[in-house]
């Protein structure tokens, strides 16, 4: 039996993490875990989207990180590969995920989506019209920019840019 793989997909908002995560899921059958997925499951269950109460901000403010990490751990221990679809702003977060994978006897592949700022802004503006995904406030984006730690060479990231061929990237994960 092959070892499960933890694919850590990190990058700033609107970099394409969810799109790439879905491709990895489709190609390798890896379960998708991330704070957005948890939030939207809770939002749906509690009918927050249609609620007259303004509970969305309260829920976003909750720390969903430990729940997401537990989900990763559970899937890996069950022998399932996982795509962790999240910004993973800090090195410490990625290290925590690597440690979970080590304890679950799993491989780790870090994929960093290094997309130019002007493209991220274009995608955010386009999303205001298309509403393909939830919006992220400019305040949150500015906060993310302050704390985001680009993966270093010692993390051995597979770096993806706006010019990377998606099919070639997926093939390189095999």
N, C-alpha and C. Protein backbone atom coordinates (compact mmCIF):
# COMPACT_ATOMS: atom_id res chain seq x y z
N UNK A 1 0.83 -1.19 0.00
CA UNK A 1 0.00 0.00 0.00
C UNK A 1 0.87 1.24 0.00
N UNK A 2 0.56 2.20 -0.86
CA UNK A 2 1.31 3.44 -0.93
C UNK A 2 1.01 4.33 0.26
N UNK A 3 2.01 5.11 0.64
CA UNK A 3 1.80 6.08 1.71
C UNK A 3 0.83 7.15 1.24
N UNK A 4 -0.04 7.62 2.15
CA UNK A 4 -0.87 8.76 1.78
C UNK A 4 0.01 10.00 1.59
N UNK A 5 -0.49 10.92 0.81
CA UNK A 5 0.25 12.16 0.54
C UNK A 5 -0.56 13.34 1.04
N UNK A 6 0.11 14.25 1.71
CA UNK A 6 -0.49 15.52 2.09
C UNK A 6 0.02 16.57 1.11
N UNK A 7 -0.89 17.09 0.29
CA UNK A 7 -0.58 18.17 -0.63
C UNK A 7 -0.95 19.47 0.08
N UNK A 8 0.04 20.28 0.42
CA UNK A 8 -0.24 21.56 1.05
C UNK A 8 -0.23 22.61 -0.06
N UNK A 9 -1.40 23.17 -0.33
CA UNK A 9 -1.53 24.18 -1.38
C UNK A 9 -1.64 25.53 -0.68
N UNK A 10 -0.62 26.35 -0.83
CA UNK A 10 -0.64 27.64 -0.14
C UNK A 10 -0.40 28.78 -1.12
N UNK A 11 -0.91 29.92 -0.75
CA UNK A 11 -0.78 31.13 -1.55
C UNK A 11 -1.80 32.14 -1.07
N UNK A 12 -1.70 33.32 -1.57
CA UNK A 12 -2.60 34.39 -1.14
C UNK A 12 -4.00 34.19 -1.72
N UNK A 13 -4.95 34.96 -1.17
CA UNK A 13 -6.33 34.91 -1.66
C UNK A 13 -6.36 35.23 -3.15
N UNK A 14 -7.17 34.51 -3.88
CA UNK A 14 -7.38 34.66 -5.32
C UNK A 14 -6.19 34.16 -6.15
N UNK A 15 -5.33 33.34 -5.55
CA UNK A 15 -4.19 32.80 -6.30
C UNK A 15 -4.55 31.54 -7.07
N UNK A 16 -5.70 30.93 -6.78
CA UNK A 16 -6.12 29.72 -7.49
C UNK A 16 -5.97 28.45 -6.68
N UNK A 17 -5.85 28.58 -5.37
CA UNK A 17 -5.67 27.40 -4.51
C UNK A 17 -6.82 26.41 -4.64
N UNK A 18 -8.03 26.90 -4.58
CA UNK A 18 -9.18 25.99 -4.64
C UNK A 18 -9.30 25.31 -6.00
N UNK A 19 -9.01 26.04 -7.06
CA UNK A 19 -9.05 25.46 -8.40
C UNK A 19 -8.02 24.34 -8.53
N UNK A 20 -6.80 24.62 -8.08
CA UNK A 20 -5.75 23.60 -8.14
C UNK A 20 -6.07 22.43 -7.22
N UNK A 21 -6.62 22.71 -6.04
CA UNK A 21 -6.99 21.64 -5.11
C UNK A 21 -8.02 20.70 -5.73
N UNK A 22 -8.98 21.26 -6.44
CA UNK A 22 -9.99 20.43 -7.11
C UNK A 22 -9.35 19.56 -8.18
N UNK A 23 -8.38 20.11 -8.89
CA UNK A 23 -7.68 19.32 -9.92
C UNK A 23 -6.93 18.14 -9.28
N UNK A 24 -6.27 18.41 -8.15
CA UNK A 24 -5.54 17.35 -7.44
C UNK A 24 -6.52 16.30 -6.92
N UNK A 25 -7.64 16.76 -6.40
CA UNK A 25 -8.69 15.85 -5.93
C UNK A 25 -9.17 14.94 -7.06
N UNK A 26 -9.44 15.54 -8.21
CA UNK A 26 -9.95 14.76 -9.35
C UNK A 26 -8.90 13.77 -9.87
N UNK A 27 -7.65 14.19 -9.89
CA UNK A 27 -6.59 13.34 -10.45
C UNK A 27 -6.14 12.22 -9.50
N UNK A 28 -6.04 12.57 -8.19
CA UNK A 28 -5.46 11.62 -7.24
C UNK A 28 -6.45 11.13 -6.18
N UNK A 29 -7.66 11.65 -6.20
CA UNK A 29 -8.66 11.23 -5.22
C UNK A 29 -8.39 11.71 -3.81
N UNK A 30 -7.55 12.71 -3.67
CA UNK A 30 -7.23 13.23 -2.34
C UNK A 30 -8.40 14.04 -1.79
N UNK A 31 -8.67 13.85 -0.51
CA UNK A 31 -9.73 14.60 0.17
C UNK A 31 -9.31 16.06 0.30
N UNK A 32 -10.24 16.98 0.12
CA UNK A 32 -9.93 18.41 0.27
C UNK A 32 -10.32 18.84 1.67
N UNK A 33 -9.36 19.44 2.39
CA UNK A 33 -9.58 19.97 3.73
C UNK A 33 -9.07 21.40 3.74
N UNK A 34 -9.78 22.27 4.42
CA UNK A 34 -9.34 23.66 4.58
C UNK A 34 -10.38 24.43 5.36
N UNK A 35 -9.97 25.57 5.88
CA UNK A 35 -10.89 26.37 6.71
C UNK A 35 -12.09 26.87 5.92
N UNK A 36 -11.91 27.23 4.66
CA UNK A 36 -13.07 27.68 3.86
C UNK A 36 -14.11 26.58 3.76
N UNK A 37 -13.66 25.37 3.50
CA UNK A 37 -14.60 24.26 3.35
C UNK A 37 -15.37 24.03 4.65
N UNK A 38 -14.68 24.12 5.78
CA UNK A 38 -15.33 23.96 7.08
C UNK A 38 -16.33 25.09 7.31
N UNK A 39 -15.89 26.31 7.03
CA UNK A 39 -16.78 27.45 7.22
C UNK A 39 -18.06 27.30 6.40
N UNK A 40 -17.92 26.95 5.12
CA UNK A 40 -19.10 26.87 4.27
C UNK A 40 -20.01 25.71 4.66
N UNK A 41 -19.46 24.64 5.19
CA UNK A 41 -20.29 23.54 5.68
C UNK A 41 -21.11 24.01 6.89
N UNK A 42 -20.47 24.76 7.77
CA UNK A 42 -21.18 25.28 8.95
C UNK A 42 -22.21 26.32 8.52
N UNK A 43 -21.81 27.18 7.59
CA UNK A 43 -22.73 28.22 7.11
C UNK A 43 -23.99 27.59 6.52
N UNK A 44 -23.81 26.54 5.74
CA UNK A 44 -24.97 25.86 5.13
C UNK A 44 -25.82 25.19 6.20
N UNK A 45 -25.17 24.49 7.11
CA UNK A 45 -25.90 23.77 8.14
C UNK A 45 -26.73 24.73 9.01
N UNK A 46 -26.17 25.88 9.31
CA UNK A 46 -26.85 26.85 10.19
C UNK A 46 -27.70 27.85 9.42
N UNK A 47 -27.76 27.69 8.09
CA UNK A 47 -28.55 28.62 7.25
C UNK A 47 -28.10 30.07 7.44
N UNK A 48 -26.80 30.27 7.63
CA UNK A 48 -26.31 31.63 7.87
C UNK A 48 -26.46 32.52 6.66
N UNK A 49 -26.32 31.94 5.46
CA UNK A 49 -26.40 32.74 4.25
C UNK A 49 -27.76 33.44 4.14
N UNK A 50 -28.81 32.79 4.59
CA UNK A 50 -30.16 33.34 4.47
C UNK A 50 -30.68 33.91 5.79
N UNK A 51 -29.84 33.92 6.79
CA UNK A 51 -30.28 34.34 8.12
C UNK A 51 -30.41 35.86 8.21
N UNK A 52 -31.44 36.33 8.95
CA UNK A 52 -31.54 37.76 9.19
C UNK A 52 -30.47 38.25 10.18
N UNK A 53 -29.87 37.32 10.93
CA UNK A 53 -28.80 37.67 11.86
C UNK A 53 -27.50 37.85 11.08
N UNK A 54 -26.64 38.72 11.57
CA UNK A 54 -25.34 38.92 10.92
C UNK A 54 -24.28 38.11 11.66
N UNK A 55 -24.37 36.77 11.52
CA UNK A 55 -23.46 35.88 12.22
C UNK A 55 -22.23 35.51 11.41
N UNK A 56 -22.20 35.88 10.14
CA UNK A 56 -21.09 35.47 9.29
C UNK A 56 -19.75 35.94 9.83
N UNK A 57 -19.67 37.22 10.24
CA UNK A 57 -18.40 37.73 10.75
C UNK A 57 -17.98 37.02 12.04
N UNK A 58 -18.97 36.68 12.88
CA UNK A 58 -18.65 35.97 14.11
C UNK A 58 -18.03 34.61 13.80
N UNK A 59 -18.60 33.93 12.82
CA UNK A 59 -18.09 32.61 12.46
C UNK A 59 -16.72 32.72 11.81
N UNK A 60 -16.52 33.69 10.91
CA UNK A 60 -15.22 33.86 10.28
C UNK A 60 -14.15 34.15 11.32
N UNK A 61 -14.55 34.84 12.39
CA UNK A 61 -13.58 35.19 13.43
C UNK A 61 -13.14 34.00 14.28
N UNK A 62 -13.87 32.90 14.22
CA UNK A 62 -13.51 31.72 15.01
C UNK A 62 -12.24 31.10 14.43
N UNK A 63 -11.48 30.45 15.29
CA UNK A 63 -10.26 29.80 14.83
C UNK A 63 -10.59 28.40 14.34
N UNK A 64 -10.72 28.27 13.04
CA UNK A 64 -11.04 26.98 12.43
C UNK A 64 -9.78 26.14 12.16
N UNK A 65 -8.60 26.72 12.41
CA UNK A 65 -7.34 26.03 12.12
C UNK A 65 -7.26 24.66 12.83
N UNK A 66 -7.48 24.57 14.15
CA UNK A 66 -7.35 23.26 14.80
C UNK A 66 -8.31 22.21 14.24
N UNK A 67 -9.49 22.64 13.84
CA UNK A 67 -10.46 21.71 13.26
C UNK A 67 -9.93 21.19 11.92
N UNK A 68 -9.39 22.10 11.11
CA UNK A 68 -8.85 21.70 9.81
C UNK A 68 -7.67 20.75 9.97
N UNK A 69 -6.77 21.06 10.90
CA UNK A 69 -5.61 20.19 11.13
C UNK A 69 -6.07 18.81 11.59
N UNK A 70 -7.08 18.76 12.45
CA UNK A 70 -7.60 17.47 12.90
C UNK A 70 -8.18 16.69 11.72
N UNK A 71 -8.85 17.39 10.81
CA UNK A 71 -9.37 16.73 9.62
C UNK A 71 -8.26 16.12 8.78
N UNK A 72 -7.17 16.85 8.61
CA UNK A 72 -6.01 16.34 7.88
C UNK A 72 -5.50 15.07 8.56
N UNK A 73 -5.32 15.16 9.86
CA UNK A 73 -4.79 14.03 10.63
C UNK A 73 -5.69 12.80 10.48
N UNK A 74 -6.98 13.00 10.65
CA UNK A 74 -7.92 11.87 10.55
C UNK A 74 -7.84 11.19 9.19
N UNK A 75 -7.88 11.98 8.12
CA UNK A 75 -7.83 11.39 6.78
C UNK A 75 -6.52 10.64 6.55
N UNK A 76 -5.40 11.25 6.95
CA UNK A 76 -4.11 10.59 6.74
C UNK A 76 -4.02 9.28 7.52
N UNK A 77 -4.50 9.28 8.76
CA UNK A 77 -4.45 8.06 9.57
C UNK A 77 -5.34 6.96 9.00
N UNK A 78 -6.37 7.37 8.26
CA UNK A 78 -7.24 6.39 7.59
C UNK A 78 -6.65 5.92 6.26
N UNK A 79 -5.47 6.48 5.91
CA UNK A 79 -4.80 6.08 4.68
C UNK A 79 -5.22 6.87 3.46
N UNK A 80 -5.94 7.98 3.66
CA UNK A 80 -6.39 8.82 2.55
C UNK A 80 -5.41 9.96 2.31
N UNK A 81 -5.10 10.23 1.07
CA UNK A 81 -4.33 11.43 0.74
C UNK A 81 -5.22 12.65 0.93
N UNK A 82 -4.59 13.80 1.20
CA UNK A 82 -5.32 15.02 1.51
C UNK A 82 -4.72 16.19 0.75
N UNK A 83 -5.61 17.06 0.26
CA UNK A 83 -5.19 18.36 -0.28
C UNK A 83 -5.59 19.37 0.78
N UNK A 84 -4.62 20.06 1.34
CA UNK A 84 -4.93 21.12 2.30
C UNK A 84 -4.96 22.43 1.53
N UNK A 85 -6.17 22.95 1.36
CA UNK A 85 -6.43 24.15 0.56
C UNK A 85 -6.61 25.32 1.53
N UNK A 86 -5.54 26.09 1.72
CA UNK A 86 -5.58 27.18 2.69
C UNK A 86 -4.44 28.14 2.38
N UNK A 87 -4.54 29.34 2.93
CA UNK A 87 -3.49 30.32 2.68
C UNK A 87 -2.18 29.92 3.35
N UNK A 88 -2.24 29.20 4.50
CA UNK A 88 -1.03 28.81 5.25
C UNK A 88 -0.05 29.98 5.30
N UNK A 89 -0.50 31.03 5.93
CA UNK A 89 0.24 32.28 5.93
C UNK A 89 1.64 32.18 6.54
N UNK A 90 1.76 31.37 7.56
CA UNK A 90 3.01 31.32 8.31
C UNK A 90 3.73 29.98 8.12
N UNK A 91 5.03 30.04 8.22
CA UNK A 91 5.86 28.83 8.17
C UNK A 91 5.45 27.86 9.26
N UNK A 92 5.14 28.39 10.43
CA UNK A 92 4.75 27.56 11.56
C UNK A 92 3.54 26.69 11.22
N UNK A 93 2.60 27.23 10.47
CA UNK A 93 1.42 26.46 10.07
C UNK A 93 1.81 25.31 9.16
N UNK A 94 2.67 25.59 8.19
CA UNK A 94 3.10 24.53 7.28
C UNK A 94 3.91 23.47 8.03
N UNK A 95 4.73 23.91 8.99
CA UNK A 95 5.50 22.96 9.80
C UNK A 95 4.58 22.07 10.63
N UNK A 96 3.51 22.66 11.15
CA UNK A 96 2.54 21.87 11.93
C UNK A 96 1.91 20.78 11.05
N UNK A 97 1.57 21.15 9.83
CA UNK A 97 0.99 20.17 8.91
C UNK A 97 2.01 19.08 8.55
N UNK A 98 3.25 19.47 8.34
CA UNK A 98 4.29 18.47 8.05
C UNK A 98 4.47 17.50 9.22
N UNK A 99 4.38 18.01 10.43
CA UNK A 99 4.51 17.15 11.60
C UNK A 99 3.34 16.17 11.69
N UNK A 100 2.14 16.64 11.40
CA UNK A 100 0.97 15.75 11.37
C UNK A 100 1.20 14.64 10.34
N UNK A 101 1.70 15.01 9.18
CA UNK A 101 1.97 14.02 8.13
C UNK A 101 3.04 13.03 8.57
N UNK A 102 4.08 13.52 9.22
CA UNK A 102 5.15 12.64 9.70
C UNK A 102 4.59 11.62 10.69
N UNK A 103 3.77 12.09 11.63
CA UNK A 103 3.18 11.20 12.63
C UNK A 103 2.23 10.18 12.00
N UNK A 104 1.64 10.55 10.87
CA UNK A 104 0.72 9.65 10.15
C UNK A 104 1.46 8.84 9.08
N UNK A 105 2.80 8.89 9.09
CA UNK A 105 3.62 8.16 8.13
C UNK A 105 3.21 8.48 6.68
N UNK A 106 3.10 9.78 6.40
CA UNK A 106 2.66 10.24 5.08
C UNK A 106 3.70 11.14 4.44
N UNK A 107 3.66 11.20 3.13
CA UNK A 107 4.52 12.11 2.38
C UNK A 107 3.90 13.51 2.38
N UNK A 108 4.73 14.51 2.09
CA UNK A 108 4.24 15.89 1.98
C UNK A 108 4.75 16.49 0.69
N UNK A 109 3.84 17.16 -0.01
CA UNK A 109 4.21 17.93 -1.20
C UNK A 109 3.63 19.32 -1.01
N UNK A 110 4.53 20.31 -0.94
CA UNK A 110 4.13 21.70 -0.76
C UNK A 110 4.05 22.38 -2.13
N UNK A 111 2.91 22.97 -2.40
CA UNK A 111 2.71 23.69 -3.66
C UNK A 111 2.42 25.13 -3.32
N UNK A 112 3.28 26.01 -3.78
CA UNK A 112 3.15 27.44 -3.49
C UNK A 112 2.69 28.16 -4.75
N UNK A 113 1.54 28.81 -4.66
CA UNK A 113 1.01 29.59 -5.78
C UNK A 113 1.51 31.01 -5.65
N UNK A 114 2.52 31.33 -6.41
CA UNK A 114 3.17 32.63 -6.38
C UNK A 114 2.65 33.47 -7.55
N UNK A 115 1.52 34.09 -7.33
CA UNK A 115 0.83 34.84 -8.37
C UNK A 115 1.08 36.33 -8.17
N UNK A 116 1.36 37.04 -9.24
CA UNK A 116 1.66 38.47 -9.18
C UNK A 116 0.50 39.25 -8.56
N UNK A 117 0.85 40.26 -7.77
CA UNK A 117 -0.14 41.07 -7.05
C UNK A 117 -1.18 41.68 -7.98
N UNK A 118 -0.74 42.16 -9.15
CA UNK A 118 -1.71 42.79 -10.06
C UNK A 118 -2.75 41.77 -10.55
N UNK A 119 -2.34 40.51 -10.71
CA UNK A 119 -3.28 39.48 -11.14
C UNK A 119 -4.24 39.13 -10.01
N UNK A 120 -3.73 39.08 -8.77
CA UNK A 120 -4.60 38.83 -7.62
C UNK A 120 -5.67 39.91 -7.52
N UNK A 121 -5.26 41.16 -7.72
CA UNK A 121 -6.22 42.28 -7.65
C UNK A 121 -7.24 42.20 -8.78
N UNK A 122 -6.79 41.85 -9.98
CA UNK A 122 -7.72 41.70 -11.11
C UNK A 122 -8.75 40.60 -10.82
N UNK A 123 -8.28 39.50 -10.27
CA UNK A 123 -9.19 38.39 -9.95
C UNK A 123 -10.20 38.80 -8.88
N UNK A 124 -9.73 39.54 -7.88
CA UNK A 124 -10.63 40.01 -6.83
C UNK A 124 -11.69 40.93 -7.42
N UNK A 125 -11.29 41.86 -8.29
CA UNK A 125 -12.25 42.78 -8.90
C UNK A 125 -13.24 42.04 -9.80
N UNK A 126 -12.73 41.09 -10.58
CA UNK A 126 -13.59 40.30 -11.46
C UNK A 126 -14.60 39.49 -10.65
N UNK A 127 -14.17 39.01 -9.48
CA UNK A 127 -15.04 38.21 -8.63
C UNK A 127 -16.22 39.04 -8.09
N UNK A 128 -16.04 40.34 -7.97
CA UNK A 128 -17.15 41.19 -7.51
C UNK A 128 -18.31 41.12 -8.50
N UNK A 129 -17.99 40.88 -9.76
CA UNK A 129 -19.02 40.79 -10.81
C UNK A 129 -19.51 39.35 -10.95
N UNK A 130 -18.56 38.41 -11.06
CA UNK A 130 -18.94 37.02 -11.34
C UNK A 130 -19.41 36.27 -10.09
N UNK A 131 -18.91 36.67 -8.94
CA UNK A 131 -19.23 36.01 -7.67
C UNK A 131 -18.98 34.50 -7.74
N UNK A 132 -17.87 34.13 -8.40
CA UNK A 132 -17.50 32.72 -8.52
C UNK A 132 -17.10 32.12 -7.17
N UNK A 133 -16.68 32.97 -6.29
CA UNK A 133 -16.26 32.52 -4.96
C UNK A 133 -16.62 33.61 -3.96
N UNK A 134 -16.47 33.31 -2.67
CA UNK A 134 -16.76 34.34 -1.67
C UNK A 134 -15.72 35.45 -1.77
N UNK A 135 -16.13 36.62 -1.38
CA UNK A 135 -15.20 37.76 -1.42
C UNK A 135 -14.34 37.73 -0.16
N UNK A 136 -13.22 38.38 -0.23
CA UNK A 136 -12.34 38.56 0.91
C UNK A 136 -12.15 40.07 1.04
N UNK A 137 -12.41 40.59 2.23
CA UNK A 137 -12.34 42.04 2.42
C UNK A 137 -10.92 42.54 2.20
N UNK A 138 -10.82 43.77 1.76
CA UNK A 138 -9.51 44.38 1.53
C UNK A 138 -8.72 44.47 2.82
N UNK A 139 -9.41 44.64 3.95
CA UNK A 139 -8.74 44.70 5.25
C UNK A 139 -8.07 43.35 5.55
N UNK A 140 -8.81 42.25 5.30
CA UNK A 140 -8.24 40.92 5.53
C UNK A 140 -7.07 40.66 4.60
N UNK A 141 -7.18 41.10 3.34
CA UNK A 141 -6.08 40.91 2.40
C UNK A 141 -4.84 41.66 2.85
N UNK A 142 -5.03 42.88 3.34
CA UNK A 142 -3.89 43.67 3.83
C UNK A 142 -3.25 42.98 5.04
N UNK A 143 -4.08 42.44 5.92
CA UNK A 143 -3.55 41.70 7.08
C UNK A 143 -2.76 40.48 6.63
N UNK A 144 -3.31 39.76 5.65
CA UNK A 144 -2.62 38.58 5.13
C UNK A 144 -1.25 38.95 4.55
N UNK A 145 -1.21 40.06 3.83
CA UNK A 145 0.06 40.50 3.23
C UNK A 145 1.12 40.77 4.30
N UNK A 146 0.69 41.25 5.45
CA UNK A 146 1.64 41.58 6.53
C UNK A 146 2.26 40.33 7.15
N UNK A 147 1.50 39.24 7.20
CA UNK A 147 1.98 38.06 7.92
C UNK A 147 2.39 36.89 7.01
N UNK A 148 2.10 36.99 5.72
CA UNK A 148 2.42 35.88 4.82
C UNK A 148 3.92 35.66 4.77
N UNK A 149 4.33 34.42 4.99
CA UNK A 149 5.73 34.04 4.90
C UNK A 149 5.90 33.14 3.68
N UNK A 150 6.57 33.65 2.68
CA UNK A 150 6.81 32.89 1.46
C UNK A 150 7.60 31.64 1.79
N UNK A 151 7.19 30.48 1.28
CA UNK A 151 7.97 29.26 1.55
C UNK A 151 9.41 29.41 1.09
N UNK A 152 10.32 29.04 1.97
CA UNK A 152 11.74 29.10 1.65
C UNK A 152 12.18 27.88 0.87
N UNK A 153 13.38 27.97 0.31
CA UNK A 153 13.92 26.86 -0.48
C UNK A 153 14.04 25.59 0.35
N UNK A 154 14.30 25.74 1.66
CA UNK A 154 14.43 24.57 2.52
C UNK A 154 13.11 23.80 2.68
N UNK A 155 11.98 24.45 2.33
CA UNK A 155 10.68 23.76 2.37
C UNK A 155 10.43 22.97 1.08
N UNK A 156 11.30 23.16 0.11
CA UNK A 156 11.22 22.47 -1.19
C UNK A 156 9.84 22.61 -1.83
N UNK A 157 9.37 23.86 -1.98
CA UNK A 157 8.05 24.02 -2.59
C UNK A 157 8.10 23.80 -4.10
N UNK A 158 7.00 23.30 -4.62
CA UNK A 158 6.79 23.27 -6.05
C UNK A 158 6.07 24.59 -6.32
N UNK A 159 6.75 25.51 -6.98
CA UNK A 159 6.20 26.85 -7.16
C UNK A 159 5.41 26.93 -8.45
N UNK A 160 4.23 27.48 -8.33
CA UNK A 160 3.29 27.63 -9.43
C UNK A 160 3.10 29.12 -9.65
N UNK A 161 3.20 29.58 -10.89
CA UNK A 161 2.96 30.98 -11.21
C UNK A 161 1.84 31.05 -12.25
N UNK A 162 1.48 32.26 -12.61
CA UNK A 162 0.40 32.43 -13.59
C UNK A 162 0.77 31.84 -14.96
N UNK A 163 2.05 31.60 -15.20
CA UNK A 163 2.47 31.04 -16.49
C UNK A 163 2.68 29.53 -16.45
N UNK A 164 2.54 28.93 -15.28
CA UNK A 164 2.72 27.48 -15.15
C UNK A 164 1.59 26.73 -15.84
N UNK A 165 1.94 25.73 -16.60
CA UNK A 165 0.95 24.88 -17.25
C UNK A 165 0.37 23.95 -16.18
N UNK A 166 -0.95 24.03 -15.97
CA UNK A 166 -1.59 23.24 -14.92
C UNK A 166 -1.43 21.74 -15.13
N UNK A 167 -1.55 21.29 -16.35
CA UNK A 167 -1.41 19.86 -16.63
C UNK A 167 0.00 19.38 -16.29
N UNK A 168 1.01 20.18 -16.61
CA UNK A 168 2.38 19.80 -16.29
C UNK A 168 2.60 19.77 -14.79
N UNK A 169 1.99 20.74 -14.09
CA UNK A 169 2.10 20.76 -12.64
C UNK A 169 1.51 19.49 -12.04
N UNK A 170 0.33 19.12 -12.48
CA UNK A 170 -0.31 17.91 -11.96
C UNK A 170 0.54 16.68 -12.26
N UNK A 171 1.10 16.60 -13.47
CA UNK A 171 1.97 15.47 -13.82
C UNK A 171 3.19 15.41 -12.90
N UNK A 172 3.73 16.57 -12.52
CA UNK A 172 4.92 16.60 -11.67
C UNK A 172 4.61 16.10 -10.26
N UNK A 173 3.35 16.00 -9.91
CA UNK A 173 2.97 15.51 -8.57
C UNK A 173 2.91 13.98 -8.53
N UNK A 174 2.97 13.34 -9.69
CA UNK A 174 2.86 11.87 -9.72
C UNK A 174 4.09 11.21 -9.16
